[in-house]
Amino acid sequence: MELAKTVCGVIDSSESDFAPIYPDDATVEEKIGAIAGKIYGASGVSFTNQANKSLKEIKALGGDKMPVCIAKTQYSLSDDPALLGRPTGFTVTIRDLKLSSGAGFVVAYAGDIMTMPGLPKVPAAEKIDVDDNAVIHGLF
């Protein structure tokens, strides 16, 4: 509670110099380039044939005006999990794009990533039980 009050106090008493990293009217390619360059430190972006095909479909559906989210490895600022730390001079490869029109953004997939982790052979929920005294057992 104390932290929340402190944060709210700073917000209320300070002027913000927040600015988006790309203008709303930028193209999807420009938005991806801005994220890759300004946040990840990339020197460039390349698009696979599949990404270019998806980009055309997204533009045809009017999704090119939406914000962009890049899905990539969590191990690196690049799309290569072996480039640890703050690499420089790398190119981010966008392998595909997907329009999430309900959510209101475009997802760019960089590198080889798993977008929806699967469950283990025996889900943890199968180990949870409630005894006769209403005590829960098997939670993490």
C-alpha atoms as a PDB file:
ATOM      1  CA  MET A   1       0.000   0.000   0.000  1.00  0.00           C
ATOM      2  CA  GLU A   2       2.864   2.338   0.875  1.00  0.00           C
ATOM      3  CA  LEU A   3       4.513   1.747  -2.500  1.00  0.00           C
ATOM      4  CA  ALA A   4       1.251   2.407  -4.347  1.00  0.00           C
ATOM      5  CA  LYS A   5       0.775   5.687  -2.477  1.00  0.00           C
ATOM      6  CA  THR A   6       4.354   6.713  -3.268  1.00  0.00           C
ATOM      7  CA  VAL A   7       3.920   5.938  -6.969  1.00  0.00           C
ATOM      8  CA  CYS A   8       0.623   7.839  -7.100  1.00  0.00           C
ATOM      9  CA  GLY A   9       2.266  10.789  -5.329  1.00  0.00           C
ATOM     10  CA  VAL A  10       5.077  10.921  -7.877  1.00  0.00           C
ATOM     11  CA  ILE A  11       2.603  10.688 -10.747  1.00  0.00           C
ATOM     12  CA  ASP A  12       0.454  13.475  -9.332  1.00  0.00           C
ATOM     13  CA  SER A  13       3.404  15.797  -8.588  1.00  0.00           C
ATOM     14  CA  SER A  14       5.583  15.280 -11.644  1.00  0.00           C
ATOM     15  CA  GLU A  15       5.347  16.185 -15.288  1.00  0.00           C
ATOM     16  CA  SER A  16       5.911  13.313 -17.652  1.00  0.00           C
ATOM     17  CA  ASP A  17       8.068  13.416 -20.740  1.00  0.00           C
ATOM     18  CA  PHE A  18       6.580  10.172 -22.029  1.00  0.00           C
ATOM     19  CA  ALA A  19       6.380   9.907 -25.796  1.00  0.00           C
ATOM     20  CA  PRO A  20       5.533   6.884 -27.940  1.00  0.00           C
ATOM     21  CA  ILE A  21       8.471   5.437 -29.878  1.00  0.00           C
ATOM     22  CA  TYR A  22       6.560   5.632 -33.145  1.00  0.00           C
ATOM     23  CA  PRO A  23       3.693   7.769 -34.443  1.00  0.00           C
ATOM     24  CA  ASP A  24       0.244   6.185 -34.685  1.00  0.00           C
ATOM     25  CA  ASP A  25       0.187   6.646 -38.455  1.00  0.00           C
ATOM     26  CA  ALA A  26       3.498   4.816 -39.036  1.00  0.00           C
ATOM     27  CA  THR A  27       3.395   1.680 -41.181  1.00  0.00           C
ATOM     28  CA  VAL A  28       3.682  -1.741 -39.555  1.00  0.00           C
ATOM     29  CA  GLU A  29       7.212  -2.004 -40.956  1.00  0.00           C
ATOM     30  CA  GLU A  30       8.152   1.379 -39.463  1.00  0.00           C
ATOM     31  CA  LYS A  31       6.659   0.409 -36.096  1.00  0.00           C
ATOM     32  CA  ILE A  32       8.624  -2.852 -36.041  1.00  0.00           C
ATOM     33  CA  GLY A  33      11.780  -0.979 -37.087  1.00  0.00           C
ATOM     34  CA  ALA A  34      11.312   1.555 -34.288  1.00  0.00           C
ATOM     35  CA  ILE A  35      10.860  -1.160 -31.651  1.00  0.00           C
ATOM     36  CA  ALA A  36      13.798  -3.199 -32.949  1.00  0.00           C
ATOM     37  CA  GLY A  37      16.116  -0.195 -33.203  1.00  0.00           C
ATOM     38  CA  LYS A  38      15.135   1.957 -30.232  1.00  0.00           C
ATOM     39  CA  ILE A  39      14.383  -0.774 -27.695  1.00  0.00           C
ATOM     40  CA  TYR A  40      16.332  -3.857 -28.802  1.00  0.00           C
ATOM     41  CA  GLY A  41      19.319  -2.033 -30.315  1.00  0.00           C
ATOM     42  CA  ALA A  42      19.049  -3.762 -33.705  1.00  0.00           C
ATOM     43  CA  SER A  43      20.706  -2.307 -36.766  1.00  0.00           C
ATOM     44  CA  GLY A  44      17.904  -3.502 -39.033  1.00  0.00           C
ATOM     45  CA  VAL A  45      14.879  -5.698 -39.632  1.00  0.00           C
ATOM     46  CA  SER A  46      14.304  -8.310 -42.311  1.00  0.00           C
ATOM     47  CA  PHE A  47      11.004  -9.914 -43.274  1.00  0.00           C
ATOM     48  CA  THR A  48      10.642 -13.486 -44.524  1.00  0.00           C
ATOM     49  CA  ASN A  49       8.424 -14.270 -47.509  1.00  0.00           C
ATOM     50  CA  GLN A  50       5.744 -15.510 -45.098  1.00  0.00           C
ATOM     51  CA  ALA A  51       5.928 -12.260 -43.124  1.00  0.00           C
ATOM     52  CA  ASN A  52       5.557 -10.198 -46.317  1.00  0.00           C
ATOM     53  CA  LYS A  53       2.536 -12.288 -47.332  1.00  0.00           C
ATOM     54  CA  SER A  54       0.929 -11.810 -43.908  1.00  0.00           C
ATOM     55  CA  LEU A  55       1.718  -8.104 -44.041  1.00  0.00           C
ATOM     56  CA  LYS A  56      -0.226  -7.747 -47.289  1.00  0.00           C
ATOM     57  CA  GLU A  57      -3.209  -9.550 -45.739  1.00  0.00           C
ATOM     58  CA  ILE A  58      -3.078  -7.351 -42.636  1.00  0.00           C
ATOM     59  CA  LYS A  59      -3.003  -4.192 -44.762  1.00  0.00           C
ATOM     60  CA  ALA A  60      -5.950  -5.466 -46.840  1.00  0.00           C
ATOM     61  CA  LEU A  61      -7.934  -5.924 -43.619  1.00  0.00           C
ATOM     62  CA  GLY A  62      -7.048  -2.438 -42.344  1.00  0.00           C
ATOM     63  CA  GLY A  63      -4.875  -3.713 -39.508  1.00  0.00           C
ATOM     64  CA  ASP A  64      -1.860  -1.681 -40.550  1.00  0.00           C
ATOM     65  CA  LYS A  65      -3.033   1.232 -38.377  1.00  0.00           C
ATOM     66  CA  MET A  66      -2.863  -0.823 -35.168  1.00  0.00           C
ATOM     67  CA  PRO A  67      -0.017  -0.897 -32.639  1.00  0.00           C
ATOM     68  CA  VAL A  68       2.590  -3.661 -32.925  1.00  0.00           C
ATOM     69  CA  CYS A  69       3.688  -6.263 -30.386  1.00  0.00           C
ATOM     70  CA  ILE A  70       6.812  -8.331 -31.126  1.00  0.00           C
ATOM     71  CA  ALA A  71       6.936 -11.911 -29.831  1.00  0.00           C
ATOM     72  CA  LYS A  72      10.554 -13.068 -29.490  1.00  0.00           C
ATOM     73  CA  THR A  73      12.871 -15.048 -27.251  1.00  0.00           C
ATOM     74  CA  GLN A  74      13.095 -13.906 -23.650  1.00  0.00           C
ATOM     75  CA  TYR A  75      16.802 -14.779 -23.564  1.00  0.00           C
ATOM     76  CA  SER A  76      18.075 -11.899 -25.685  1.00  0.00           C
ATOM     77  CA  LEU A  77      17.143  -8.465 -26.964  1.00  0.00           C
ATOM     78  CA  SER A  78      17.659  -9.972 -30.400  1.00  0.00           C
ATOM     79  CA  ASP A  79      15.655 -12.809 -31.951  1.00  0.00           C
ATOM     80  CA  ASP A  80      18.631 -15.145 -31.343  1.00  0.00           C
ATOM     81  CA  PRO A  81      18.661 -16.707 -27.846  1.00  0.00           C
ATOM     82  CA  ALA A  82      22.447 -17.180 -28.120  1.00  0.00           C
ATOM     83  CA  LEU A  83      23.103 -13.401 -28.327  1.00  0.00           C
ATOM     84  CA  LEU A  84      23.065 -12.666 -24.617  1.00  0.00           C
ATOM     85  CA  GLY A  85      23.338  -9.311 -22.893  1.00  0.00           C
ATOM     86  CA  ARG A  86      22.964  -6.183 -25.008  1.00  0.00           C
ATOM     87  CA  PRO A  87      24.086  -7.270 -28.489  1.00  0.00           C
ATOM     88  CA  THR A  88      24.681  -4.731 -31.250  1.00  0.00           C
ATOM     89  CA  GLY A  89      24.880  -4.846 -35.024  1.00  0.00           C
ATOM     90  CA  PHE A  90      22.266  -7.566 -35.429  1.00  0.00           C
ATOM     91  CA  THR A  91      19.227  -7.815 -37.671  1.00  0.00           C
ATOM     92  CA  VAL A  92      15.864  -8.914 -36.285  1.00  0.00           C
ATOM     93  CA  THR A  93      14.134 -11.372 -38.610  1.00  0.00           C
ATOM     94  CA  ILE A  94      10.337 -11.214 -38.611  1.00  0.00           C
ATOM     95  CA  ARG A  95       9.161 -14.646 -39.729  1.00  0.00           C
ATOM     96  CA  ASP A  96       5.407 -14.009 -39.623  1.00  0.00           C
ATOM     97  CA  LEU A  97       2.753 -11.512 -38.543  1.00  0.00           C
ATOM     98  CA  LYS A  98      -0.726 -12.032 -37.184  1.00  0.00           C
ATOM     99  CA  LEU A  99      -3.581  -9.582 -36.866  1.00  0.00           C
ATOM    100  CA  SER A 100      -5.204  -9.685 -33.430  1.00  0.00           C
ATOM    101  CA  SER A 101      -8.094  -7.457 -34.404  1.00  0.00           C
ATOM    102  CA  GLY A 102     -10.141  -8.168 -31.280  1.00  0.00           C
ATOM    103  CA  ALA A 103      -7.255  -7.150 -29.061  1.00  0.00           C
ATOM    104  CA  GLY A 104      -6.418  -4.247 -31.379  1.00  0.00           C
ATOM    105  CA  PHE A 105      -2.819  -4.952 -32.340  1.00  0.00           C
ATOM    106  CA  VAL A 106      -0.540  -6.777 -34.770  1.00  0.00           C
ATOM    107  CA  VAL A 107       1.809  -9.480 -33.476  1.00  0.00           C
ATOM    108  CA  ALA A 108       5.164  -9.826 -35.224  1.00  0.00           C
ATOM    109  CA  TYR A 109       6.909 -13.159 -34.623  1.00  0.00           C
ATOM    110  CA  ALA A 110      10.698 -12.865 -34.454  1.00  0.00           C
ATOM    111  CA  GLY A 111      12.791 -16.007 -34.484  1.00  0.00           C
ATOM    112  CA  ASP A 112      11.736 -19.480 -33.435  1.00  0.00           C
ATOM    113  CA  ILE A 113       9.534 -19.155 -30.362  1.00  0.00           C
ATOM    114  CA  MET A 114       6.743 -21.114 -28.723  1.00  0.00           C
ATOM    115  CA  THR A 115       3.713 -18.836 -28.471  1.00  0.00           C
ATOM    116  CA  MET A 116       1.527 -21.087 -26.307  1.00  0.00           C
ATOM    117  CA  PRO A 117       3.342 -23.368 -23.912  1.00  0.00           C
ATOM    118  CA  GLY A 118       1.839 -26.816 -23.617  1.00  0.00           C
ATOM    119  CA  LEU A 119       0.882 -28.634 -20.481  1.00  0.00           C
ATOM    120  CA  PRO A 120       3.098 -31.331 -19.024  1.00  0.00           C
ATOM    121  CA  LYS A 121       1.981 -34.957 -19.318  1.00  0.00           C
ATOM    122  CA  VAL A 122       0.462 -34.709 -15.827  1.00  0.00           C
ATOM    123  CA  PRO A 123      -0.928 -31.219 -15.124  1.00  0.00           C
ATOM    124  CA  ALA A 124      -0.325 -29.870 -11.611  1.00  0.00           C
ATOM    125  CA  ALA A 125      -4.091 -29.552 -11.115  1.00  0.00           C
ATOM    126  CA  GLU A 126      -4.327 -33.339 -10.904  1.00  0.00           C
ATOM    127  CA  LYS A 127      -2.239 -33.247  -7.692  1.00  0.00           C
ATOM    128  CA  ILE A 128      -4.520 -30.776  -5.905  1.00  0.00           C
ATOM    129  CA  ASP A 129      -6.933 -32.148  -3.326  1.00  0.00           C
ATOM    130  CA  VAL A 130      -9.133 -30.935  -0.487  1.00  0.00           C
ATOM    131  CA  ASP A 131      -9.341 -33.107   2.620  1.00  0.00           C
ATOM    132  CA  ASP A 132     -12.355 -33.628   4.922  1.00  0.00           C
ATOM    133  CA  ASN A 133     -11.298 -30.606   7.019  1.00  0.00           C
ATOM    134  CA  ALA A 134     -11.379 -28.311   3.946  1.00  0.00           C
ATOM    135  CA  VAL A 135      -7.577 -28.060   3.831  1.00  0.00           C
ATOM    136  CA  ILE A 136      -6.137 -27.791   0.342  1.00  0.00           C
ATOM    137  CA  HIS A 137      -3.136 -29.992  -0.478  1.00  0.00           C
ATOM    138  CA  GLY A 138      -0.887 -30.074  -3.535  1.00  0.00           C
ATOM    139  CA  LEU A 139      -0.644 -26.381  -4.336  1.00  0.00           C
ATOM    140  CA  PHE A 140       2.725 -24.996  -5.289  1.00  0.00           C
END
